């Protein structure tokens, strides 16, 4: 596990997130990073917003899927 991912998981554990939520959020951030082909730490807020819009408008995913990615990015 990368140090960045470990910090993310540690933060979620401290906040009492369920294990499944942690897995979902880590996967959501991984998808954003793969979409832009770079580390999530290098992404701007505008890029994350554009990705969320892409999920709904281009990929036609549900609001709940987009919201999960948005919550993961917080």
Protein backbone atom coordinates (compact mmCIF):
# COMPACT_ATOMS: atom_id res chain seq x y z
CA UNK A 1 0.00 0.00 0.00
CA UNK A 2 1.35 3.41 -0.93
CA UNK A 3 1.95 5.96 1.85
CA UNK A 4 -0.80 8.19 0.41
CA UNK A 5 -3.32 5.36 0.39
CA UNK A 6 -2.31 4.36 3.92
CA UNK A 7 -2.86 7.94 5.14
CA UNK A 8 -6.29 7.93 3.53
CA UNK A 9 -7.23 4.63 5.16
CA UNK A 10 -5.85 5.77 8.52
CA UNK A 11 -7.94 8.95 8.34
CA UNK A 12 -11.08 6.96 7.57
CA UNK A 13 -10.39 4.50 10.40
CA UNK A 14 -9.97 7.41 12.81
CA UNK A 15 -13.30 8.81 11.67
CA UNK A 16 -15.03 5.45 12.17
CA UNK A 17 -15.81 4.64 8.54
CA UNK A 18 -17.02 1.10 7.88
CA UNK A 19 -14.57 -1.21 6.14
CA UNK A 20 -16.72 -1.40 3.01
CA UNK A 21 -16.91 2.40 2.85
CA UNK A 22 -13.13 2.57 3.10
CA UNK A 23 -12.78 0.10 0.23
CA UNK A 24 -15.28 2.03 -1.90
CA UNK A 25 -13.59 5.37 -1.28
CA UNK A 26 -10.11 4.02 -2.00
CA UNK A 27 -11.40 2.52 -5.25
CA UNK A 28 -13.15 5.79 -6.19
CA UNK A 29 -9.91 7.74 -5.73
CA UNK A 30 -8.03 5.10 -7.72
CA UNK A 31 -10.49 5.56 -10.60
CA UNK A 32 -9.99 9.34 -10.56
CA UNK A 33 -6.21 8.88 -10.62
CA UNK A 34 -6.44 6.39 -13.49
CA UNK A 35 -8.71 8.76 -15.41
CA UNK A 36 -6.06 11.51 -15.26
CA UNK A 37 -3.05 9.16 -15.35
CA UNK A 38 -1.42 10.71 -12.30
CA UNK A 39 -1.40 10.72 -8.53
CA UNK A 40 -4.56 12.07 -6.90
CA UNK A 41 -2.42 14.40 -4.80
CA UNK A 42 -1.52 16.27 -8.01
CA UNK A 43 -5.13 16.86 -9.10
CA UNK A 44 -6.80 20.23 -8.74
CA UNK A 45 -10.30 20.80 -7.40
CA UNK A 46 -11.38 21.78 -10.92
CA UNK A 47 -10.14 18.46 -12.31
CA UNK A 48 -12.02 16.52 -9.64
CA UNK A 49 -15.17 18.54 -10.39
CA UNK A 50 -14.76 17.87 -14.11
CA UNK A 51 -14.37 14.15 -13.41
CA UNK A 52 -17.57 14.12 -11.33
CA UNK A 53 -19.44 15.84 -14.15
CA UNK A 54 -17.96 13.30 -16.58
CA UNK A 55 -19.37 10.45 -14.48
CA UNK A 56 -22.90 11.79 -14.74
CA UNK A 57 -22.99 13.43 -18.18
CA UNK A 58 -20.73 11.19 -20.27
CA UNK A 59 -20.74 7.84 -18.52
CA UNK A 60 -24.39 8.23 -17.43
CA UNK A 61 -23.70 6.91 -13.94
CA UNK A 62 -26.14 7.54 -11.13
CA UNK A 63 -26.00 10.46 -8.75
CA UNK A 64 -25.13 8.07 -5.91
CA UNK A 65 -22.04 6.84 -7.79
CA UNK A 66 -20.97 10.41 -8.45
CA UNK A 67 -21.66 11.35 -4.84
CA UNK A 68 -19.54 8.45 -3.60
CA UNK A 69 -16.61 9.72 -5.66
CA UNK A 70 -17.20 13.25 -4.37
CA UNK A 71 -17.23 12.09 -0.75
CA UNK A 72 -14.08 10.04 -1.32
CA UNK A 73 -12.30 13.10 -2.70
CA UNK A 74 -13.00 15.21 0.39
